[in-house]
């Protein structure tokens, strides 16, 4: 298995976990915080999707779907490509309201599709190329950036699955 295929497989597994975790949740359930300083499901799913949209768009040189495809409007948020939740205050996290679970999942699926499309064209040799991103000195490689997406998305998808069980009492094998 080539490196891009490993990344594609890892992110494909997260897609299924998110689908199961979000299934049937109400907008109110998306805002539940087990403690005052914890992140709710809605914000976690939005954030992990925004990270993937930002990072993979940077790799492909495409405008983020958040802006280009109008996802920001579906979330009633500004078309700010730099806003993907990193560094948000707990007050901002608490104020976030996802329209519903299906919109969260639809946005994730759109980004997942863009990511899989990119990964299908990527070679293992290209994983070592530096990323054109002046936010980091030195810039990370393509592979490091993709591992960052996997790490962030895995962490938050696991938190979402845990919170789903906490909220609903329903669990499943992953």
N, C-alpha and C. Protein backbone atom coordinates (compact mmCIF):
# COMPACT_ATOMS: atom_id res chain seq x y z
N UNK A 1 0.85 -1.17 0.00
CA UNK A 1 0.00 0.00 0.00
C UNK A 1 0.90 1.24 0.00
N UNK A 2 0.61 2.15 -0.89
CA UNK A 2 1.36 3.40 -0.98
C UNK A 2 0.89 4.37 0.11
N UNK A 3 1.76 5.32 0.46
CA UNK A 3 1.45 6.27 1.53
C UNK A 3 0.13 7.02 1.33
N UNK A 4 -0.16 7.53 0.12
CA UNK A 4 -1.45 8.21 -0.05
C UNK A 4 -2.66 7.29 0.17
N UNK A 5 -2.49 6.01 -0.14
CA UNK A 5 -3.58 5.06 0.09
C UNK A 5 -3.81 4.83 1.58
N UNK A 6 -2.74 4.87 2.36
CA UNK A 6 -2.86 4.74 3.82
C UNK A 6 -3.66 5.92 4.37
N UNK A 7 -3.33 7.12 3.92
CA UNK A 7 -4.04 8.32 4.36
C UNK A 7 -5.51 8.22 3.95
N UNK A 8 -5.77 7.82 2.72
CA UNK A 8 -7.15 7.70 2.24
C UNK A 8 -7.93 6.69 3.07
N UNK A 9 -7.31 5.57 3.42
CA UNK A 9 -7.97 4.56 4.23
C UNK A 9 -8.28 5.09 5.63
N UNK A 10 -7.31 5.76 6.24
CA UNK A 10 -7.51 6.31 7.59
C UNK A 10 -8.68 7.29 7.60
N UNK A 11 -8.71 8.20 6.64
CA UNK A 11 -9.79 9.19 6.60
C UNK A 11 -11.12 8.55 6.21
N UNK A 12 -11.08 7.50 5.42
CA UNK A 12 -12.31 6.78 5.08
C UNK A 12 -12.94 6.13 6.30
N UNK A 13 -12.13 5.64 7.21
CA UNK A 13 -12.65 5.03 8.44
C UNK A 13 -13.32 6.08 9.32
N UNK A 14 -12.77 7.28 9.33
CA UNK A 14 -13.36 8.36 10.12
C UNK A 14 -14.72 8.76 9.58
N UNK A 15 -14.88 8.71 8.29
CA UNK A 15 -16.16 9.04 7.67
C UNK A 15 -17.27 8.16 8.23
N UNK A 16 -17.04 6.88 8.29
CA UNK A 16 -18.03 5.96 8.83
C UNK A 16 -18.32 6.20 10.30
N UNK A 17 -17.30 6.49 11.07
CA UNK A 17 -17.47 6.79 12.49
C UNK A 17 -18.33 8.04 12.68
N UNK A 18 -18.07 9.07 11.90
CA UNK A 18 -18.87 10.29 12.00
C UNK A 18 -20.32 10.05 11.60
N UNK A 19 -20.53 9.27 10.55
CA UNK A 19 -21.89 8.97 10.12
C UNK A 19 -22.67 8.28 11.24
N UNK A 20 -22.06 7.31 11.89
CA UNK A 20 -22.73 6.60 12.99
C UNK A 20 -22.92 7.51 14.20
N UNK A 21 -21.94 8.34 14.47
CA UNK A 21 -21.99 9.19 15.66
C UNK A 21 -23.02 10.30 15.55
N UNK A 22 -23.22 10.84 14.37
CA UNK A 22 -24.15 11.96 14.19
C UNK A 22 -25.58 11.51 13.92
N UNK A 23 -25.76 10.25 13.56
CA UNK A 23 -27.07 9.75 13.15
C UNK A 23 -28.14 10.03 14.21
N UNK A 24 -29.15 10.80 13.81
CA UNK A 24 -30.31 11.03 14.66
C UNK A 24 -30.15 12.07 15.76
N UNK A 25 -28.99 12.70 15.87
CA UNK A 25 -28.82 13.70 16.93
C UNK A 25 -29.61 14.97 16.60
N UNK A 26 -30.19 15.54 17.61
CA UNK A 26 -30.95 16.79 17.45
C UNK A 26 -30.00 17.98 17.54
N UNK A 27 -30.44 19.15 17.06
CA UNK A 27 -29.61 20.35 17.22
C UNK A 27 -29.26 20.62 18.68
N UNK A 28 -30.17 20.33 19.59
CA UNK A 28 -29.89 20.52 21.01
C UNK A 28 -28.79 19.58 21.49
N UNK A 29 -28.83 18.33 21.06
CA UNK A 29 -27.80 17.37 21.45
C UNK A 29 -26.43 17.76 20.91
N UNK A 30 -26.40 18.46 19.80
CA UNK A 30 -25.13 18.89 19.22
C UNK A 30 -24.44 19.96 20.08
N UNK A 31 -25.18 20.56 21.02
CA UNK A 31 -24.62 21.64 21.85
C UNK A 31 -24.31 21.20 23.28
N UNK A 32 -24.62 19.96 23.64
CA UNK A 32 -24.41 19.50 25.02
C UNK A 32 -22.92 19.46 25.34
N UNK A 33 -22.60 20.02 26.51
CA UNK A 33 -21.23 19.98 27.04
C UNK A 33 -21.27 19.23 28.36
N UNK A 34 -20.53 18.14 28.50
CA UNK A 34 -20.53 17.41 29.77
C UNK A 34 -19.97 18.25 30.93
N UNK A 35 -19.12 19.20 30.60
CA UNK A 35 -18.61 20.14 31.60
C UNK A 35 -18.52 21.51 30.92
N UNK A 36 -18.47 22.57 31.70
CA UNK A 36 -18.49 23.92 31.11
C UNK A 36 -17.33 24.23 30.17
N UNK A 37 -16.23 23.51 30.28
CA UNK A 37 -15.07 23.80 29.44
C UNK A 37 -14.81 22.75 28.37
N UNK A 38 -15.80 21.91 28.10
CA UNK A 38 -15.60 20.88 27.07
C UNK A 38 -16.28 21.30 25.76
N UNK A 39 -15.83 20.70 24.69
CA UNK A 39 -16.36 21.01 23.36
C UNK A 39 -17.55 20.12 23.05
N UNK A 40 -18.63 20.69 22.53
CA UNK A 40 -19.79 19.89 22.14
C UNK A 40 -19.59 19.24 20.76
N UNK A 41 -20.42 18.27 20.47
CA UNK A 41 -20.33 17.52 19.22
C UNK A 41 -20.40 18.43 18.00
N UNK A 42 -21.32 19.35 17.97
CA UNK A 42 -21.49 20.22 16.80
C UNK A 42 -20.22 20.98 16.48
N UNK A 43 -19.63 21.60 17.49
CA UNK A 43 -18.41 22.35 17.27
C UNK A 43 -17.27 21.42 16.85
N UNK A 44 -17.15 20.27 17.52
CA UNK A 44 -16.07 19.33 17.19
C UNK A 44 -16.14 18.88 15.73
N UNK A 45 -17.33 18.56 15.26
CA UNK A 45 -17.47 18.10 13.88
C UNK A 45 -17.18 19.23 12.90
N UNK A 46 -17.70 20.42 13.19
CA UNK A 46 -17.42 21.59 12.34
C UNK A 46 -15.91 21.84 12.29
N UNK A 47 -15.26 21.84 13.44
CA UNK A 47 -13.83 22.12 13.52
C UNK A 47 -13.00 21.09 12.76
N UNK A 48 -13.26 19.81 12.96
CA UNK A 48 -12.43 18.81 12.27
C UNK A 48 -12.62 18.90 10.77
N UNK A 49 -13.82 19.26 10.34
CA UNK A 49 -14.07 19.42 8.90
C UNK A 49 -13.38 20.67 8.37
N UNK A 50 -13.44 21.74 9.14
CA UNK A 50 -12.77 22.98 8.74
C UNK A 50 -11.26 22.76 8.64
N UNK A 51 -10.67 22.01 9.57
CA UNK A 51 -9.23 21.74 9.51
C UNK A 51 -8.90 20.98 8.23
N UNK A 52 -9.68 19.95 7.92
CA UNK A 52 -9.42 19.18 6.70
C UNK A 52 -9.61 20.06 5.46
N UNK A 53 -10.66 20.88 5.45
CA UNK A 53 -10.92 21.77 4.32
C UNK A 53 -9.75 22.73 4.15
N UNK A 54 -9.31 23.36 5.22
CA UNK A 54 -8.19 24.31 5.16
C UNK A 54 -6.90 23.63 4.69
N UNK A 55 -6.53 22.55 5.35
CA UNK A 55 -5.23 21.93 5.07
C UNK A 55 -5.16 21.29 3.69
N UNK A 56 -6.21 20.59 3.29
CA UNK A 56 -6.17 19.94 1.98
C UNK A 56 -6.33 20.97 0.86
N UNK A 57 -7.14 22.00 1.09
CA UNK A 57 -7.24 23.07 0.09
C UNK A 57 -5.89 23.73 -0.13
N UNK A 58 -5.15 23.92 0.96
CA UNK A 58 -3.81 24.48 0.84
C UNK A 58 -2.91 23.57 0.00
N UNK A 59 -3.02 22.27 0.18
CA UNK A 59 -2.21 21.32 -0.59
C UNK A 59 -2.57 21.32 -2.07
N UNK A 60 -3.85 21.49 -2.36
CA UNK A 60 -4.30 21.41 -3.75
C UNK A 60 -4.27 22.75 -4.47
N UNK A 61 -4.16 23.83 -3.70
CA UNK A 61 -4.20 25.16 -4.31
C UNK A 61 -5.61 25.59 -4.67
N UNK A 62 -6.60 24.89 -4.16
CA UNK A 62 -8.00 25.23 -4.41
C UNK A 62 -8.53 26.12 -3.29
N UNK A 63 -9.51 26.93 -3.63
CA UNK A 63 -10.19 27.69 -2.59
C UNK A 63 -10.96 26.72 -1.70
N UNK A 64 -11.01 27.03 -0.42
CA UNK A 64 -11.74 26.17 0.50
C UNK A 64 -13.21 26.08 0.11
N UNK A 65 -13.78 24.91 0.28
CA UNK A 65 -15.21 24.71 0.02
C UNK A 65 -16.04 25.59 0.96
N UNK A 66 -15.51 25.87 2.14
CA UNK A 66 -16.19 26.74 3.11
C UNK A 66 -16.64 28.03 2.44
N UNK A 67 -15.76 28.60 1.63
CA UNK A 67 -16.06 29.85 0.93
C UNK A 67 -16.59 29.56 -0.47
N UNK A 68 -15.87 28.77 -1.25
CA UNK A 68 -16.20 28.55 -2.66
C UNK A 68 -17.57 27.93 -2.87
N UNK A 69 -17.94 27.02 -2.00
CA UNK A 69 -19.21 26.31 -2.16
C UNK A 69 -20.30 26.84 -1.23
N UNK A 70 -20.00 27.91 -0.51
CA UNK A 70 -21.01 28.56 0.32
C UNK A 70 -21.39 27.84 1.60
N UNK A 71 -20.53 26.96 2.08
CA UNK A 71 -20.85 26.26 3.33
C UNK A 71 -20.99 27.23 4.50
N UNK A 72 -20.23 28.31 4.47
CA UNK A 72 -20.32 29.29 5.56
C UNK A 72 -21.75 29.79 5.74
N UNK A 73 -22.46 30.01 4.64
CA UNK A 73 -23.83 30.51 4.70
C UNK A 73 -24.77 29.49 5.34
N UNK A 74 -24.51 28.20 5.09
CA UNK A 74 -25.36 27.15 5.68
C UNK A 74 -25.17 27.07 7.19
N UNK A 75 -24.04 27.58 7.68
CA UNK A 75 -23.77 27.62 9.12
C UNK A 75 -24.01 29.01 9.71
N UNK A 76 -24.47 29.94 8.87
CA UNK A 76 -24.72 31.31 9.28
C UNK A 76 -23.47 31.95 9.89
N UNK A 77 -22.34 31.73 9.22
CA UNK A 77 -21.06 32.27 9.65
C UNK A 77 -20.41 33.03 8.50
N UNK A 78 -19.46 33.91 8.81
CA UNK A 78 -18.78 34.66 7.75
C UNK A 78 -17.96 33.74 6.83
N UNK A 79 -17.73 34.22 5.62
CA UNK A 79 -16.91 33.50 4.65
C UNK A 79 -15.44 33.77 4.94
N UNK A 80 -14.99 33.38 6.11
CA UNK A 80 -13.63 33.63 6.57
C UNK A 80 -12.83 32.34 6.49
N UNK A 81 -11.97 32.24 5.48
CA UNK A 81 -11.19 31.02 5.27
C UNK A 81 -10.18 30.78 6.39
N UNK A 82 -9.85 31.80 7.17
CA UNK A 82 -8.88 31.62 8.25
C UNK A 82 -9.53 31.11 9.53
N UNK A 83 -10.85 31.06 9.57
CA UNK A 83 -11.56 30.60 10.77
C UNK A 83 -11.86 29.12 10.65
N UNK A 84 -11.07 28.32 11.37
CA UNK A 84 -11.36 26.89 11.41
C UNK A 84 -11.34 26.35 12.83
N UNK A 85 -11.49 27.26 13.79
CA UNK A 85 -11.70 26.84 15.17
C UNK A 85 -10.46 26.71 16.02
N UNK A 86 -9.28 26.64 15.43
CA UNK A 86 -8.07 26.51 16.23
C UNK A 86 -7.87 27.78 17.04
N UNK A 87 -7.76 27.63 18.34
CA UNK A 87 -7.57 28.77 19.22
C UNK A 87 -8.85 29.43 19.67
N UNK A 88 -10.01 28.86 19.33
CA UNK A 88 -11.27 29.44 19.77
C UNK A 88 -11.36 29.45 21.29
N UNK A 89 -11.92 30.52 21.82
CA UNK A 89 -12.18 30.60 23.25
C UNK A 89 -13.36 29.69 23.58
N UNK A 90 -13.49 29.33 24.84
CA UNK A 90 -14.61 28.48 25.24
C UNK A 90 -15.93 29.23 25.04
N UNK A 91 -15.91 30.54 25.15
CA UNK A 91 -17.12 31.32 24.91
C UNK A 91 -17.56 31.20 23.45
N UNK A 92 -16.59 31.24 22.56
CA UNK A 92 -16.91 31.09 21.13
C UNK A 92 -17.41 29.68 20.82
N UNK A 93 -16.79 28.69 21.46
CA UNK A 93 -17.23 27.31 21.28
C UNK A 93 -18.67 27.16 21.76
N UNK A 94 -18.98 27.72 22.93
CA UNK A 94 -20.35 27.63 23.47
C UNK A 94 -21.36 28.33 22.57
N UNK A 95 -20.95 29.41 21.92
CA UNK A 95 -21.86 30.19 21.07
C UNK A 95 -22.13 29.51 19.72
N UNK A 96 -21.27 28.58 19.32
CA UNK A 96 -21.42 27.94 18.01
C UNK A 96 -22.71 27.11 17.97
N UNK A 97 -23.44 27.23 16.89
CA UNK A 97 -24.66 26.44 16.68
C UNK A 97 -24.64 25.86 15.27
N UNK A 98 -24.55 24.55 15.21
CA UNK A 98 -24.68 23.86 13.92
C UNK A 98 -26.15 23.83 13.55
N UNK A 99 -26.48 24.00 12.28
CA UNK A 99 -27.89 23.97 11.90
C UNK A 99 -28.56 22.64 12.27
N UNK A 100 -27.87 21.53 11.99
CA UNK A 100 -28.36 20.19 12.31
C UNK A 100 -27.26 19.19 11.98
N UNK A 101 -27.47 17.96 12.41
CA UNK A 101 -26.46 16.92 12.19
C UNK A 101 -26.25 16.63 10.71
N UNK A 102 -27.31 16.68 9.92
CA UNK A 102 -27.18 16.38 8.50
C UNK A 102 -26.31 17.42 7.79
N UNK A 103 -26.45 18.68 8.14
CA UNK A 103 -25.61 19.72 7.52
C UNK A 103 -24.15 19.51 7.89
N UNK A 104 -23.89 19.16 9.14
CA UNK A 104 -22.51 18.84 9.54
C UNK A 104 -21.97 17.69 8.70
N UNK A 105 -22.76 16.65 8.57
CA UNK A 105 -22.32 15.48 7.81
C UNK A 105 -22.18 15.79 6.33
N UNK A 106 -23.09 16.58 5.79
CA UNK A 106 -22.99 16.95 4.38
C UNK A 106 -21.71 17.74 4.10
N UNK A 107 -21.38 18.67 4.98
CA UNK A 107 -20.13 19.44 4.82
C UNK A 107 -18.93 18.50 4.92
N UNK A 108 -18.93 17.62 5.93
CA UNK A 108 -17.82 16.68 6.06
C UNK A 108 -17.71 15.82 4.79
N UNK A 109 -18.82 15.29 4.30
CA UNK A 109 -18.78 14.43 3.12
C UNK A 109 -18.26 15.17 1.89
N UNK A 110 -18.61 16.44 1.76
CA UNK A 110 -18.09 17.24 0.64
C UNK A 110 -16.57 17.37 0.73
N UNK A 111 -16.08 17.63 1.92
CA UNK A 111 -14.63 17.78 2.12
C UNK A 111 -13.95 16.43 1.98
N UNK A 112 -14.55 15.40 2.51
CA UNK A 112 -13.99 14.06 2.37
C UNK A 112 -13.84 13.71 0.89
N UNK A 113 -14.83 14.03 0.09
CA UNK A 113 -14.76 13.77 -1.35
C UNK A 113 -13.62 14.52 -2.01
N UNK A 114 -13.46 15.79 -1.64
CA UNK A 114 -12.34 16.59 -2.19
C UNK A 114 -11.00 15.98 -1.78
N UNK A 115 -10.93 15.55 -0.53
CA UNK A 115 -9.68 14.97 -0.02
C UNK A 115 -9.35 13.67 -0.74
N UNK A 116 -10.34 12.81 -0.89
CA UNK A 116 -10.11 11.53 -1.57
C UNK A 116 -9.70 11.75 -3.02
N UNK A 117 -10.31 12.73 -3.66
CA UNK A 117 -9.95 13.07 -5.04
C UNK A 117 -8.47 13.47 -5.12
N UNK A 118 -8.05 14.32 -4.20
CA UNK A 118 -6.65 14.75 -4.16
C UNK A 118 -5.73 13.56 -3.89
N UNK A 119 -6.07 12.74 -2.91
CA UNK A 119 -5.22 11.61 -2.56
C UNK A 119 -5.08 10.62 -3.70
N UNK A 120 -6.08 10.52 -4.55
CA UNK A 120 -6.02 9.58 -5.68
C UNK A 120 -5.00 10.02 -6.73
N UNK A 121 -4.60 11.29 -6.68
CA UNK A 121 -3.62 11.80 -7.65
C UNK A 121 -2.22 11.92 -7.05
N UNK A 122 -2.11 11.77 -5.75
CA UNK A 122 -0.85 11.98 -5.03
C UNK A 122 0.03 10.73 -5.10
N UNK A 123 1.33 10.94 -5.27
CA UNK A 123 2.27 9.82 -5.24
C UNK A 123 3.02 9.81 -3.91
N UNK A 124 3.59 8.68 -3.59
CA UNK A 124 4.38 8.59 -2.35
C UNK A 124 5.56 9.55 -2.37
N UNK A 125 6.15 9.75 -3.54
CA UNK A 125 7.29 10.66 -3.65
C UNK A 125 6.90 12.10 -3.32
N UNK A 126 5.68 12.47 -3.66
CA UNK A 126 5.21 13.83 -3.40
C UNK A 126 4.96 14.10 -1.92
N UNK A 127 4.91 13.06 -1.11
CA UNK A 127 4.67 13.23 0.33
C UNK A 127 5.80 14.02 1.00
N UNK A 128 7.00 14.01 0.42
CA UNK A 128 8.15 14.72 1.00
C UNK A 128 8.28 16.17 0.55
N UNK A 129 7.46 16.60 -0.39
CA UNK A 129 7.55 17.98 -0.88
C UNK A 129 7.10 18.95 0.20
N UNK A 130 7.77 20.11 0.30
CA UNK A 130 7.31 21.10 1.27
C UNK A 130 6.00 21.74 0.83
N UNK A 131 5.18 22.07 1.81
CA UNK A 131 3.89 22.71 1.57
C UNK A 131 4.11 24.21 1.41
N UNK A 132 3.38 24.81 0.50
CA UNK A 132 3.43 26.26 0.32
C UNK A 132 2.50 26.89 1.36
N UNK A 133 3.03 27.13 2.56
CA UNK A 133 2.22 27.65 3.66
C UNK A 133 3.11 28.51 4.55
N UNK A 134 2.94 29.82 4.46
CA UNK A 134 3.79 30.73 5.22
C UNK A 134 3.40 30.84 6.69
N UNK A 135 2.41 30.05 7.13
CA UNK A 135 2.05 30.05 8.55
C UNK A 135 3.04 29.27 9.39
N UNK A 136 3.90 28.48 8.76
CA UNK A 136 4.84 27.63 9.48
C UNK A 136 6.25 27.84 8.96
N UNK A 137 7.21 27.92 9.86
CA UNK A 137 8.61 28.03 9.50
C UNK A 137 9.39 26.96 10.25
N UNK A 138 10.02 26.04 9.54
CA UNK A 138 9.93 25.82 8.10
C UNK A 138 8.57 25.20 7.76
N UNK A 139 8.18 25.29 6.49
CA UNK A 139 6.90 24.70 6.10
C UNK A 139 6.95 23.18 6.23
N UNK A 140 5.83 22.58 6.60
CA UNK A 140 5.80 21.12 6.71
C UNK A 140 5.80 20.48 5.32
N UNK A 141 6.06 19.19 5.29
CA UNK A 141 5.93 18.45 4.03
C UNK A 141 4.47 18.08 3.83
N UNK A 142 4.15 17.64 2.63
CA UNK A 142 2.79 17.18 2.33
C UNK A 142 2.42 16.05 3.29
N UNK A 143 3.33 15.11 3.49
CA UNK A 143 3.06 13.99 4.39
C UNK A 143 2.80 14.43 5.81
N UNK A 144 3.61 15.37 6.30
CA UNK A 144 3.41 15.87 7.66
C UNK A 144 2.06 16.57 7.77
N UNK A 145 1.70 17.34 6.75
CA UNK A 145 0.40 18.03 6.77
C UNK A 145 -0.75 17.01 6.81
N UNK A 146 -0.64 15.96 6.02
CA UNK A 146 -1.70 14.95 6.00
C UNK A 146 -1.78 14.18 7.31
N UNK A 147 -0.64 13.90 7.91
CA UNK A 147 -0.64 13.25 9.23
C UNK A 147 -1.29 14.17 10.26
N UNK A 148 -1.09 15.47 10.13
CA UNK A 148 -1.73 16.43 11.01
C UNK A 148 -3.25 16.36 10.87
N UNK A 149 -3.74 16.26 9.64
CA UNK A 149 -5.18 16.14 9.40
C UNK A 149 -5.70 14.85 10.03
N UNK A 150 -5.00 13.74 9.81
CA UNK A 150 -5.42 12.47 10.40
C UNK A 150 -5.45 12.57 11.92
N UNK A 151 -4.41 13.13 12.51
CA UNK A 151 -4.34 13.24 13.97
C UNK A 151 -5.47 14.08 14.53
N UNK A 152 -5.68 15.26 13.96
CA UNK A 152 -6.74 16.15 14.42
C UNK A 152 -8.11 15.49 14.24
N UNK A 153 -8.35 14.96 13.05
CA UNK A 153 -9.66 14.37 12.76
C UNK A 153 -9.92 13.13 13.60
N UNK A 154 -8.91 12.30 13.83
CA UNK A 154 -9.08 11.10 14.64
C UNK A 154 -9.41 11.47 16.08
N UNK A 155 -8.67 12.40 16.62
CA UNK A 155 -8.91 12.84 18.00
C UNK A 155 -10.35 13.33 18.16
N UNK A 156 -10.77 14.21 17.28
CA UNK A 156 -12.09 14.80 17.43
C UNK A 156 -13.22 13.83 17.08
N UNK A 157 -13.01 12.96 16.11
CA UNK A 157 -14.04 11.95 15.80
C UNK A 157 -14.22 11.01 16.99
N UNK A 158 -13.14 10.66 17.66
CA UNK A 158 -13.24 9.85 18.88
C UNK A 158 -13.98 10.58 19.99
N UNK A 159 -13.71 11.86 20.14
CA UNK A 159 -14.44 12.65 21.13
C UNK A 159 -15.93 12.69 20.80
N UNK A 160 -16.25 12.84 19.52
CA UNK A 160 -17.65 12.87 19.10
C UNK A 160 -18.33 11.54 19.42
N UNK A 161 -17.67 10.43 19.11
CA UNK A 161 -18.24 9.11 19.39
C UNK A 161 -18.46 8.92 20.89
N UNK A 162 -17.50 9.35 21.68
CA UNK A 162 -17.63 9.24 23.14
C UNK A 162 -18.82 10.08 23.62
N UNK A 163 -18.89 11.33 23.15
CA UNK A 163 -19.98 12.21 23.57
C UNK A 163 -21.33 11.67 23.11
N UNK A 164 -21.37 11.07 21.93
CA UNK A 164 -22.62 10.45 21.45
C UNK A 164 -23.09 9.41 22.46
N UNK A 165 -22.20 8.57 22.92
CA UNK A 165 -22.55 7.57 23.92
C UNK A 165 -22.96 8.20 25.24
N UNK A 166 -22.26 9.23 25.63
CA UNK A 166 -22.56 9.95 26.88
C UNK A 166 -23.96 10.55 26.82
N UNK A 167 -24.30 11.15 25.70
CA UNK A 167 -25.59 11.84 25.54
C UNK A 167 -26.74 10.85 25.41
N UNK A 168 -26.55 9.84 24.58
CA UNK A 168 -27.68 8.98 24.23
C UNK A 168 -27.67 7.65 24.95
N UNK A 169 -26.53 7.27 25.52
CA UNK A 169 -26.44 5.96 26.13
C UNK A 169 -26.29 4.85 25.11
N UNK A 170 -26.21 5.23 23.84
CA UNK A 170 -26.06 4.25 22.77
C UNK A 170 -24.59 4.09 22.44
N UNK A 171 -24.16 2.90 22.26
CA UNK A 171 -22.79 2.65 21.87
C UNK A 171 -22.75 1.65 20.74
N UNK A 172 -21.61 1.49 20.16
CA UNK A 172 -21.41 0.51 19.09
C UNK A 172 -19.93 0.21 19.02
N UNK A 173 -19.62 -0.85 18.35
CA UNK A 173 -18.22 -1.19 18.14
C UNK A 173 -17.69 -0.40 16.98
N UNK A 174 -16.48 0.12 17.12
CA UNK A 174 -15.86 0.87 16.03
C UNK A 174 -14.89 0.00 15.28
